[in-house]
C-alpha atoms as a PDB file:
ATOM      1  CA  MET A   1       0.018  -0.056   0.086  1.00  0.00           C
ATOM      2  CA  ARG A   2       2.752   2.358   1.162  1.00  0.00           C
ATOM      3  CA  SER A   3       4.858   1.701  -2.604  1.00  0.00           C
ATOM      4  CA  ALA A   4       1.614   2.391  -4.263  1.00  0.00           C
ATOM      5  CA  VAL A   5       0.980   5.872  -2.516  1.00  0.00           C
ATOM      6  CA  THR A   6       4.887   6.597  -3.175  1.00  0.00           C
ATOM      7  CA  THR A   7       4.242   5.440  -7.027  1.00  0.00           C
ATOM      8  CA  LEU A   8       1.045   8.149  -7.029  1.00  0.00           C
ATOM      9  CA  PHE A   9       3.088  10.967  -5.252  1.00  0.00           C
ATOM     10  CA  ALA A  10       6.079  10.684  -8.090  1.00  0.00           C
ATOM     11  CA  VAL A  11       3.765  10.708 -11.289  1.00  0.00           C
ATOM     12  CA  ALA A  12       1.760  13.581  -9.749  1.00  0.00           C
ATOM     13  CA  VAL A  13       5.087  15.706  -9.038  1.00  0.00           C
ATOM     14  CA  THR A  14       6.220  14.613 -12.664  1.00  0.00           C
ATOM     15  CA  ALA A  15       3.323  16.021 -14.156  1.00  0.00           C
ATOM     16  CA  VAL A  16       3.063  19.477 -12.158  1.00  0.00           C
ATOM     17  CA  LEU A  17       6.691  20.139 -13.474  1.00  0.00           C
ATOM     18  CA  LEU A  18       5.630  19.298 -17.070  1.00  0.00           C
ATOM     19  CA  VAL A  19       2.720  21.563 -17.153  1.00  0.00           C
ATOM     20  CA  GLY A  20       5.243  24.267 -15.601  1.00  0.00           C
ATOM     21  CA  CYS A  21       7.751  23.808 -18.154  1.00  0.00           C
ATOM     22  CA  ALA A  22       5.310  24.339 -21.040  1.00  0.00           C
ATOM     23  CA  GLY A  23       3.657  27.393 -19.732  1.00  0.00           C
ATOM     24  CA  SER A  24       7.049  29.022 -19.284  1.00  0.00           C
ATOM     25  CA  GLY A  25       7.472  32.070 -21.282  1.00  0.00           C
ATOM     26  CA  ASP A  26      10.622  31.144 -22.714  1.00  0.00           C
ATOM     27  CA  LEU A  27      10.646  27.865 -23.408  1.00  0.00           C
ATOM     28  CA  ASP A  28       8.582  26.045 -25.914  1.00  0.00           C
ATOM     29  CA  GLY A  29       8.963  22.149 -25.230  1.00  0.00           C
ATOM     30  CA  ASP A  30      11.489  21.814 -28.366  1.00  0.00           C
ATOM     31  CA  LEU A  31      14.932  20.755 -27.141  1.00  0.00           C
ATOM     32  CA  THR A  32      17.043  21.044 -29.991  1.00  0.00           C
ATOM     33  CA  ASP A  33      15.736  24.727 -31.453  1.00  0.00           C
ATOM     34  CA  GLU A  34      17.453  26.698 -29.163  1.00  0.00           C
ATOM     35  CA  TRP A  35      21.253  25.500 -30.232  1.00  0.00           C
ATOM     36  CA  ALA A  36      23.000  27.242 -32.592  1.00  0.00           C
ATOM     37  CA  ALA A  37      23.399  25.352 -35.635  1.00  0.00           C
ATOM     38  CA  MET A  38      26.954  23.348 -36.552  1.00  0.00           C
ATOM     39  CA  ALA A  39      28.358  25.164 -39.449  1.00  0.00           C
ATOM     40  CA  ALA A  40      28.925  22.913 -42.349  1.00  0.00           C
ATOM     41  CA  PRO A  41      32.207  21.496 -42.872  1.00  0.00           C
ATOM     42  CA  SER A  42      34.504  23.103 -45.585  1.00  0.00           C
ATOM     43  CA  ALA A  43      37.524  22.096 -47.295  1.00  0.00           C
ATOM     44  CA  PHE A  44      40.845  23.105 -46.450  1.00  0.00           C
ATOM     45  CA  THR A  45      43.021  25.433 -48.046  1.00  0.00           C
ATOM     46  CA  PRO A  46      46.579  26.746 -47.606  1.00  0.00           C
ATOM     47  CA  ALA A  47      47.090  30.704 -46.774  1.00  0.00           C
ATOM     48  CA  ALA A  48      49.447  32.823 -49.007  1.00  0.00           C
ATOM     49  CA  GLY A  49      52.050  35.016 -47.922  1.00  0.00           C
ATOM     50  CA  VAL A  50      53.099  32.359 -45.654  1.00  0.00           C
ATOM     51  CA  CYS A  51      56.726  30.057 -45.464  1.00  0.00           C
ATOM     52  CA  HIS A  52      57.474  26.853 -44.775  1.00  0.00           C
ATOM     53  CA  ALA A  53      60.263  25.142 -42.945  1.00  0.00           C
ATOM     54  CA  ALA A  54      60.215  22.057 -44.795  1.00  0.00           C
ATOM     55  CA  ASP A  55      61.219  21.171 -48.512  1.00  0.00           C
ATOM     56  CA  PHE A  56      58.752  21.437 -51.220  1.00  0.00           C
ATOM     57  CA  THR A  57      56.759  18.646 -51.813  1.00  0.00           C
ATOM     58  CA  ASP A  58      54.005  18.242 -55.256  1.00  0.00           C
ATOM     59  CA  VAL A  59      51.332  17.127 -52.896  1.00  0.00           C
ATOM     60  CA  VAL A  60      50.317  18.997 -49.769  1.00  0.00           C
ATOM     61  CA  THR A  61      48.523  17.140 -46.870  1.00  0.00           C
ATOM     62  CA  LEU A  62      46.742  18.939 -44.008  1.00  0.00           C
ATOM     63  CA  ALA A  63      48.775  16.644 -41.620  1.00  0.00           C
ATOM     64  CA  GLY A  64      51.830  18.307 -43.150  1.00  0.00           C
ATOM     65  CA  TYR A  65      50.587  21.836 -43.294  1.00  0.00           C
ATOM     66  CA  GLU A  66      52.874  23.863 -41.296  1.00  0.00           C
ATOM     67  CA  PRO A  67      53.680  27.455 -41.957  1.00  0.00           C
ATOM     68  CA  VAL A  68      56.016  29.356 -40.294  1.00  0.00           C
ATOM     69  CA  ASP A  69      57.402  33.276 -39.857  1.00  0.00           C
ATOM     70  CA  CYS A  70      58.871  34.411 -43.066  1.00  0.00           C
ATOM     71  CA  ALA A  71      61.321  36.317 -41.032  1.00  0.00           C
ATOM     72  CA  GLY A  72      62.823  33.131 -39.526  1.00  0.00           C
ATOM     73  CA  PRO A  73      64.709  30.249 -41.152  1.00  0.00           C
ATOM     74  CA  HIS A  74      62.465  28.252 -43.949  1.00  0.00           C
ATOM     75  CA  ARG A  75      62.843  26.706 -47.320  1.00  0.00           C
ATOM     76  CA  LEU A  76      60.256  28.107 -49.567  1.00  0.00           C
ATOM     77  CA  GLU A  77      57.273  30.704 -49.420  1.00  0.00           C
ATOM     78  CA  THR A  78      54.104  30.232 -50.935  1.00  0.00           C
ATOM     79  CA  VAL A  79      53.497  33.646 -53.103  1.00  0.00           C
ATOM     80  CA  HIS A  80      49.946  32.867 -54.347  1.00  0.00           C
ATOM     81  CA  VAL A  81      46.749  30.409 -53.975  1.00  0.00           C
ATOM     82  CA  GLY A  82      44.696  29.863 -57.303  1.00  0.00           C
ATOM     83  CA  ALA A  83      41.967  27.501 -57.413  1.00  0.00           C
ATOM     84  CA  PHE A  84      40.584  25.027 -60.095  1.00  0.00           C
ATOM     85  CA  PRO A  85      36.882  24.679 -61.559  1.00  0.00           C
ATOM     86  CA  ALA A  86      34.881  23.142 -58.275  1.00  0.00           C
ATOM     87  CA  GLN A  87      33.308  20.718 -60.195  1.00  0.00           C
ATOM     88  CA  ARG A  88      36.430  19.141 -61.444  1.00  0.00           C
ATOM     89  CA  ALA A  89      36.050  15.759 -60.439  1.00  0.00           C
ATOM     90  CA  THR A  90      39.818  14.851 -60.090  1.00  0.00           C
ATOM     91  CA  ALA A  91      43.217  16.553 -59.825  1.00  0.00           C
ATOM     92  CA  PRO A  92      44.829  17.256 -63.242  1.00  0.00           C
ATOM     93  CA  ALA A  93      47.593  15.173 -64.447  1.00  0.00           C
ATOM     94  CA  GLY A  94      51.006  16.299 -65.485  1.00  0.00           C
ATOM     95  CA  GLY A  95      51.281  17.755 -69.091  1.00  0.00           C
ATOM     96  CA  SER A  96      47.511  18.802 -68.765  1.00  0.00           C
ATOM     97  CA  ALA A  97      46.210  22.033 -70.129  1.00  0.00           C
ATOM     98  CA  GLU A  98      44.633  22.339 -66.395  1.00  0.00           C
ATOM     99  CA  LEU A  99      47.757  22.253 -64.935  1.00  0.00           C
ATOM    100  CA  ARG A 100      49.938  24.310 -67.771  1.00  0.00           C
ATOM    101  CA  GLY A 101      47.095  27.056 -66.674  1.00  0.00           C
ATOM    102  CA  ALA A 102      47.855  26.844 -63.049  1.00  0.00           C
ATOM    103  CA  PHE A 103      51.763  27.334 -63.836  1.00  0.00           C
ATOM    104  CA  ALA A 104      51.060  30.409 -65.991  1.00  0.00           C
ATOM    105  CA  GLU A 105      48.992  32.006 -63.243  1.00  0.00           C
ATOM    106  CA  CYS A 106      51.851  31.067 -60.867  1.00  0.00           C
ATOM    107  CA  ASP A 107      54.265  32.493 -63.139  1.00  0.00           C
ATOM    108  CA  THR A 108      52.324  35.626 -63.311  1.00  0.00           C
ATOM    109  CA  ARG A 109      51.745  36.195 -59.503  1.00  0.00           C
ATOM    110  CA  ALA A 110      55.328  35.043 -58.554  1.00  0.00           C
ATOM    111  CA  THR A 111      56.779  37.805 -60.896  1.00  0.00           C
ATOM    112  CA  GLY A 112      54.328  40.736 -59.580  1.00  0.00           C
ATOM    113  CA  TYR A 113      55.222  39.173 -56.027  1.00  0.00           C
ATOM    114  CA  VAL A 114      58.847  39.553 -56.246  1.00  0.00           C
ATOM    115  CA  GLY A 115      59.040  42.787 -58.581  1.00  0.00           C
ATOM    116  CA  ASP A 116      60.646  40.934 -62.010  1.00  0.00           C
ATOM    117  CA  ASP A 117      60.606  37.656 -63.454  1.00  0.00           C
ATOM    118  CA  TRP A 118      61.581  35.297 -60.972  1.00  0.00           C
ATOM    119  CA  ARG A 119      63.907  33.742 -63.357  1.00  0.00           C
ATOM    120  CA  ALA A 120      65.961  36.881 -63.570  1.00  0.00           C
ATOM    121  CA  GLY A 121      67.009  35.366 -59.704  1.00  0.00           C
ATOM    122  CA  ARG A 122      68.365  32.343 -57.908  1.00  0.00           C
ATOM    123  CA  LEU A 123      64.806  31.263 -57.606  1.00  0.00           C
ATOM    124  CA  ARG A 124      62.503  28.192 -58.620  1.00  0.00           C
ATOM    125  CA  LEU A 125      58.609  28.156 -58.607  1.00  0.00           C
ATOM    126  CA  SER A 126      56.543  24.804 -58.206  1.00  0.00           C
ATOM    127  CA  VAL A 127      53.145  24.252 -58.068  1.00  0.00           C
ATOM    128  CA  ALA A 128      51.685  21.689 -55.290  1.00  0.00           C
ATOM    129  CA  LEU A 129      48.043  20.101 -55.551  1.00  0.00           C
ATOM    130  CA  PRO A 130      46.172  19.042 -52.514  1.00  0.00           C
ATOM    131  CA  SER A 131      46.293  15.139 -51.746  1.00  0.00           C
ATOM    132  CA  GLY A 132      44.025  12.482 -52.893  1.00  0.00           C
ATOM    133  CA  PRO A 133      41.940  12.612 -49.501  1.00  0.00           C
ATOM    134  CA  GLY A 134      41.569  16.478 -49.710  1.00  0.00           C
ATOM    135  CA  TRP A 135      40.652  16.501 -53.297  1.00  0.00           C
ATOM    136  CA  ALA A 136      37.542  14.365 -52.160  1.00  0.00           C
ATOM    137  CA  ALA A 137      36.742  16.482 -49.482  1.00  0.00           C
ATOM    138  CA  GLY A 138      36.538  19.371 -51.856  1.00  0.00           C
ATOM    139  CA  SER A 139      39.959  20.922 -52.113  1.00  0.00           C
ATOM    140  CA  ARG A 140      40.146  22.468 -55.456  1.00  0.00           C
ATOM    141  CA  TRP A 141      43.641  24.673 -54.825  1.00  0.00           C
ATOM    142  CA  PHE A 142      46.871  24.901 -56.284  1.00  0.00           C
ATOM    143  CA  ARG A 143      49.592  26.438 -54.285  1.00  0.00           C
ATOM    144  CA  CYS A 144      52.696  28.762 -55.729  1.00  0.00           C
ATOM    145  CA  ASP A 145      55.736  28.149 -54.174  1.00  0.00           C
ATOM    146  CA  LEU A 146      59.268  29.877 -54.522  1.00  0.00           C
ATOM    147  CA  THR A 147      62.311  28.756 -53.462  1.00  0.00           C
ATOM    148  CA  GLU A 148      65.810  30.399 -53.336  1.00  0.00           C
ATOM    149  CA  LEU A 149      68.484  28.213 -55.169  1.00  0.00           C
ATOM    150  CA  SER A 150      72.205  28.372 -54.280  1.00  0.00           C
ATOM    151  CA  THR A 151      72.564  28.296 -58.195  1.00  0.00           C
ATOM    152  CA  VAL A 152      70.329  28.099 -61.520  1.00  0.00           C
ATOM    153  CA  GLU A 153      72.859  25.557 -62.803  1.00  0.00           C
ATOM    154  CA  ALA A 154      72.394  21.721 -62.805  1.00  0.00           C
ATOM    155  CA  ALA A 155      74.115  21.488 -59.209  1.00  0.00           C
ATOM    156  CA  ALA A 156      71.236  23.775 -57.409  1.00  0.00           C
ATOM    157  CA  THR A 157      70.336  23.313 -53.891  1.00  0.00           C
ATOM    158  CA  VAL A 158      67.869  24.570 -51.686  1.00  0.00           C
ATOM    159  CA  VAL A 159      68.665  28.045 -49.671  1.00  0.00           C
ATOM    160  CA  VAL A 160      67.541  27.913 -46.263  1.00  0.00           C
ATOM    161  CA  ARG A 161      66.541  31.744 -45.991  1.00  0.00           C
ATOM    162  CA  SER A 162      65.245  34.297 -43.513  1.00  0.00           C
ATOM    163  CA  GLY A 163      63.424  37.035 -44.707  1.00  0.00           C
ATOM    164  CA  SER A 164      60.182  37.551 -47.270  1.00  0.00           C
ATOM    165  CA  LEU A 165      61.000  37.224 -51.102  1.00  0.00           C
ATOM    166  CA  ARG A 166      58.323  40.021 -51.562  1.00  0.00           C
ATOM    167  CA  ASP A 167      59.802  42.286 -53.779  1.00  0.00           C
ATOM    168  CA  ALA A 168      63.236  40.784 -53.408  1.00  0.00           C
ATOM    169  CA  LEU A 169      64.074  41.496 -57.508  1.00  0.00           C
ATOM    170  CA  LYS A 170      62.456  45.340 -57.397  1.00  0.00           C
ATOM    171  CA  THR A 171      65.884  46.748 -56.335  1.00  0.00           C
ATOM    172  CA  PRO A 172      69.544  45.164 -56.914  1.00  0.00           C
ATOM    173  CA  SER A 173      69.885  41.913 -54.647  1.00  0.00           C
ATOM    174  CA  PRO A 174      72.497  39.336 -54.517  1.00  0.00           C
ATOM    175  CA  LEU A 175      69.735  37.008 -55.508  1.00  0.00           C
ATOM    176  CA  ARG A 176      69.725  38.631 -59.199  1.00  0.00           C
ATOM    177  CA  LEU A 177      71.531  36.825 -61.618  1.00  0.00           C
ATOM    178  CA  GLY A 178      74.190  39.050 -63.619  1.00  0.00           C
ATOM    179  CA  CYS A 179      77.885  38.339 -64.578  1.00  0.00           C
ATOM    180  CA  GLN A 180      79.097  35.094 -64.631  1.00  0.00           C
ATOM    181  CA  GLN A 181      82.466  32.872 -65.657  1.00  0.00           C
ATOM    182  CA  THR A 182      81.867  30.168 -67.820  1.00  0.00           C
ATOM    183  CA  ARG A 183      83.563  26.477 -67.114  1.00  0.00           C
ATOM    184  CA  GLY A 184      83.858  23.982 -69.872  1.00  0.00           C
ATOM    185  CA  ALA A 185      86.218  22.309 -72.828  1.00  0.00           C
ATOM    186  CA  ALA A 186      86.681  22.334 -76.136  1.00  0.00           C
ATOM    187  CA  GLY A 187      84.811  25.654 -76.931  1.00  0.00           C
ATOM    188  CA  ARG A 188      81.645  24.142 -75.097  1.00  0.00           C
ATOM    189  CA  VAL A 189      80.049  26.029 -71.781  1.00  0.00           C
ATOM    190  CA  GLN A 190      79.521  23.373 -69.047  1.00  0.00           C
ATOM    191  CA  THR A 191      78.578  25.743 -65.952  1.00  0.00           C
ATOM    192  CA  LEU A 192      78.356  28.896 -64.935  1.00  0.00           C
ATOM    193  CA  VAL A 193      79.841  30.300 -62.262  1.00  0.00           C
ATOM    194  CA  PRO A 194      78.519  34.125 -60.338  1.00  0.00           C
ATOM    195  CA  VAL A 195      81.139  36.339 -60.227  1.00  0.00           C
ATOM    196  CA  GLU A 196      81.021  40.411 -59.680  1.00  0.00           C
ATOM    197  CA  CYS A 197      81.106  42.258 -62.522  1.00  0.00           C
ATOM    198  CA  GLY A 198      84.072  44.202 -61.722  1.00  0.00           C
ATOM    199  CA  ARG A 199      86.311  40.977 -61.936  1.00  0.00           C
ATOM    200  CA  GLN A 200      87.236  39.459 -65.329  1.00  0.00           C
ATOM    201  CA  HIS A 201      84.306  37.191 -66.662  1.00  0.00           C
ATOM    202  CA  ASP A 202      83.202  36.224 -69.918  1.00  0.00           C
ATOM    203  CA  ALA A 203      79.403  35.945 -69.753  1.00  0.00           C
ATOM    204  CA  GLU A 204      76.298  37.545 -68.295  1.00  0.00           C
ATOM    205  CA  PHE A 205      72.822  36.867 -67.836  1.00  0.00           C
ATOM    206  CA  VAL A 206      70.784  39.178 -70.378  1.00  0.00           C
ATOM    207  CA  GLY A 207      67.127  38.137 -69.476  1.00  0.00           C
ATOM    208  CA  VAL A 208      64.561  35.649 -70.264  1.00  0.00           C
ATOM    209  CA  TRP A 209      62.799  34.366 -73.782  1.00  0.00           C
ATOM    210  CA  ARG A 210      59.482  32.656 -73.077  1.00  0.00           C
ATOM    211  CA  ALA A 211      59.285  29.856 -75.453  1.00  0.00           C
ATOM    212  CA  PRO A 212      56.277  28.727 -77.160  1.00  0.00           C
ATOM    213  CA  ASP A 213      53.872  25.749 -76.265  1.00  0.00           C
ATOM    214  CA  THR A 214      55.940  23.413 -78.422  1.00  0.00           C
ATOM    215  CA  PRO A 215      57.433  19.723 -77.398  1.00  0.00           C
ATOM    216  CA  TYR A 216      60.334  20.016 -75.164  1.00  0.00           C
ATOM    217  CA  PRO A 217      63.739  20.281 -77.388  1.00  0.00           C
ATOM    218  CA  THR A 218      65.537  17.057 -78.150  1.00  0.00           C
ATOM    219  CA  ARG A 219      67.073  17.218 -81.681  1.00  0.00           C
ATOM    220  CA  ASP A 220      69.328  20.141 -82.741  1.00  0.00           C
ATOM    221  CA  ALA A 221      66.804  21.507 -84.609  1.00  0.00           C
ATOM    222  CA  ASP A 222      64.720  21.862 -81.811  1.00  0.00           C
ATOM    223  CA  TRP A 223      67.235  24.145 -80.227  1.00  0.00           C
ATOM    224  CA  ALA A 224      67.634  26.659 -83.197  1.00  0.00           C
ATOM    225  CA  PRO A 225      64.440  28.725 -81.745  1.00  0.00           C
ATOM    226  CA  LEU A 226      66.009  28.884 -78.455  1.00  0.00           C
ATOM    227  CA  TYR A 227      69.138  30.289 -79.704  1.00  0.00           C
ATOM    228  CA  THR A 228      67.562  32.774 -81.730  1.00  0.00           C
ATOM    229  CA  GLY A 229      65.227  34.073 -78.902  1.00  0.00           C
ATOM    230  CA  CYS A 230      68.072  34.111 -76.250  1.00  0.00           C
ATOM    231  CA  ARG A 231      69.735  36.289 -79.373  1.00  0.00           C
ATOM    232  CA  SER A 232      67.203  38.891 -79.397  1.00  0.00           C
ATOM    233  CA  ALA A 233      67.455  38.871 -75.581  1.00  0.00           C
ATOM    234  CA  LEU A 234      70.811  39.719 -75.997  1.00  0.00           C
ATOM    235  CA  GLY A 235      70.664  42.259 -78.481  1.00  0.00           C
ATOM    236  CA  ARG A 236      67.923  44.089 -76.432  1.00  0.00           C
ATOM    237  CA  TYR A 237      70.068  43.768 -73.186  1.00  0.00           C
ATOM    238  CA  VAL A 238      73.328  45.239 -74.936  1.00  0.00           C
ATOM    239  CA  GLY A 239      71.673  47.821 -77.294  1.00  0.00           C
ATOM    240  CA  VAL A 240      73.145  46.321 -80.508  1.00  0.00           C
ATOM    241  CA  PRO A 241      70.984  45.741 -83.683  1.00  0.00           C
ATOM    242  CA  ASP A 242      69.209  41.870 -83.843  1.00  0.00           C
ATOM    243  CA  ASP A 243      70.636  41.233 -87.345  1.00  0.00           C
ATOM    244  CA  ALA A 244      72.833  38.892 -88.964  1.00  0.00           C
ATOM    245  CA  GLU A 245      75.862  40.424 -87.342  1.00  0.00           C
ATOM    246  CA  LEU A 246      74.838  39.733 -83.885  1.00  0.00           C
ATOM    247  CA  ARG A 247      76.189  36.335 -83.972  1.00  0.00           C
ATOM    248  CA  PHE A 248      79.609  37.581 -84.305  1.00  0.00           C
ATOM    249  CA  ARG A 249      79.371  39.895 -81.889  1.00  0.00           C
ATOM    250  CA  SER A 250      78.803  37.355 -79.057  1.00  0.00           C
ATOM    251  CA  GLY A 251      77.924  33.788 -78.507  1.00  0.00           C
ATOM    252  CA  VAL A 252      75.268  32.371 -76.479  1.00  0.00           C
ATOM    253  CA  VAL A 253      74.232  30.048 -73.840  1.00  0.00           C
ATOM    254  CA  VAL A 254      70.714  28.835 -73.219  1.00  0.00           C
ATOM    255  CA  ARG A 255      69.449  27.572 -70.204  1.00  0.00           C
ATOM    256  CA  PRO A 256      65.677  26.216 -70.649  1.00  0.00           C
ATOM    257  CA  PRO A 257      63.867  24.702 -67.705  1.00  0.00           C
ATOM    258  CA  GLY A 258      64.241  20.485 -67.398  1.00  0.00           C
ATOM    259  CA  ALA A 259      61.557  18.420 -69.054  1.00  0.00           C
ATOM    260  CA  GLY A 260      60.063  17.937 -66.314  1.00  0.00           C
ATOM    261  CA  ARG A 261      58.981  21.506 -65.578  1.00  0.00           C
ATOM    262  CA  TRP A 262      58.596  22.112 -69.246  1.00  0.00           C
ATOM    263  CA  ARG A 263      55.669  19.621 -69.103  1.00  0.00           C
ATOM    264  CA  VAL A 264      54.005  21.142 -66.303  1.00  0.00           C
ATOM    265  CA  GLY A 265      54.252  24.626 -68.333  1.00  0.00           C
ATOM    266  CA  ASP A 266      57.553  26.597 -67.544  1.00  0.00           C
ATOM    267  CA  ARG A 267      58.678  27.869 -70.891  1.00  0.00           C
ATOM    268  CA  GLY A 268      60.991  30.386 -69.591  1.00  0.00           C
ATOM    269  CA  VAL A 269      64.570  30.105 -70.893  1.00  0.00           C
ATOM    270  CA  ARG A 270      67.158  31.841 -69.397  1.00  0.00           C
ATOM    271  CA  CYS A 271      69.728  33.660 -71.711  1.00  0.00           C
ATOM    272  CA  TYR A 272      73.163  34.538 -71.397  1.00  0.00           C
ATOM    273  CA  LEU A 273      75.736  36.487 -73.717  1.00  0.00           C
ATOM    274  CA  TRP A 274      78.785  34.364 -74.027  1.00  0.00           C
ATOM    275  CA  LEU A 275      82.828  36.153 -75.151  1.00  0.00           C
ATOM    276  CA  SER A 276      84.305  33.041 -76.253  1.00  0.00           C
ATOM    277  CA  ASP A 277      87.511  35.128 -77.225  1.00  0.00           C
ATOM    278  CA  ARG A 278      88.254  37.523 -74.443  1.00  0.00           C
ATOM    279  CA  THR A 279      87.143  38.552 -70.751  1.00  0.00           C
ATOM    280  CA  VAL A 280      85.546  41.972 -69.554  1.00  0.00           C
ATOM    281  CA  ILE A 281      85.485  43.925 -65.943  1.00  0.00           C
ATOM    282  CA  ALA A 282      82.239  45.496 -66.301  1.00  0.00           C
ATOM    283  CA  SER A 283      78.350  44.998 -66.893  1.00  0.00           C
ATOM    284  CA  LEU A 284      77.628  45.104 -70.880  1.00  0.00           C
ATOM    285  CA  LYS A 285      74.074  45.983 -70.233  1.00  0.00           C
ATOM    286  CA  GLY A 286      73.286  48.657 -72.673  1.00  0.00           C
ATOM    287  CA  ALA A 287      76.701  49.084 -73.712  1.00  0.00           C
ATOM    288  CA  GLY A 288      75.858  49.448 -77.685  1.00  0.00           C
ATOM    289  CA  PRO A 289      77.995  48.260 -80.463  1.00  0.00           C
ATOM    290  CA  ALA A 290      81.476  50.179 -79.021  1.00  0.00           C
ATOM    291  CA  GLY A 291      81.137  47.335 -75.980  1.00  0.00           C
ATOM    292  CA  LEU A 292      80.115  44.405 -78.068  1.00  0.00           C
ATOM    293  CA  PRO A 293      82.039  45.342 -81.400  1.00  0.00           C
ATOM    294  CA  VAL A 294      81.497  42.668 -84.262  1.00  0.00           C
ATOM    295  CA  ARG A 295      84.526  39.877 -84.185  1.00  0.00           C
ATOM    296  CA  THR A 296      86.514  40.185 -87.213  1.00  0.00           C
ATOM    297  CA  LYS A 297      88.262  36.475 -86.163  1.00  0.00           C
END
């Protein structure tokens, strides 16, 4: 009997509490609509204008994304982040038009970032993409990364630098390519070694020639347009006519990007004048015909 009374009392109290809650002015009996809605999940996108202590990788994962202050030691700097179309289902393959387009955008943005064609310095531009899981989660970005190199020759290594590359080529800078001393044998240039223009040297960086969208040069005939383009750059740099006599004023050294970089869209060819018969102790920029006379032998 006592147990039954206790049960009836508990039911009555519960009923009163429920009626009281229903009559409250700030509660409507719905226990979910007072909570703020959770934000929809969004895909990870890296930031531009930040640096990274790790070496460049062509695929970036969220777990491996650890930007650092550019004032401290780092190995690369992100100068721009672009985007592929949202409806694209898979990442673009190497050599595809989409990836070449991404490189072209990075090329333009990197040049604006450093204040001149980035190839005029000891720099390398690379394009990174999201990982497979990142792409599946909705990431559609591509990242444009610049790296300082010890040289732009084949033996290049990455420089651990401090300080941003922003506007680094707007003014004279140790990063800039300039006068060079060639190393080689049998009348062929194998390597270029940077030297102060006030010291004896036989070569000098004269600019960049942008090759058309053609296959990578493999035969002698394929290289002819690169030499022609670099001779034109040489003529503009020194201030001499781009005519039939130009080849008798100076030799030319061409340094195209490697085949792998060519495949992803890099068409910038570094061009150097080469004095195979003499050395000079000053820059030949703007020297004109007197500074680069026609050789008679």
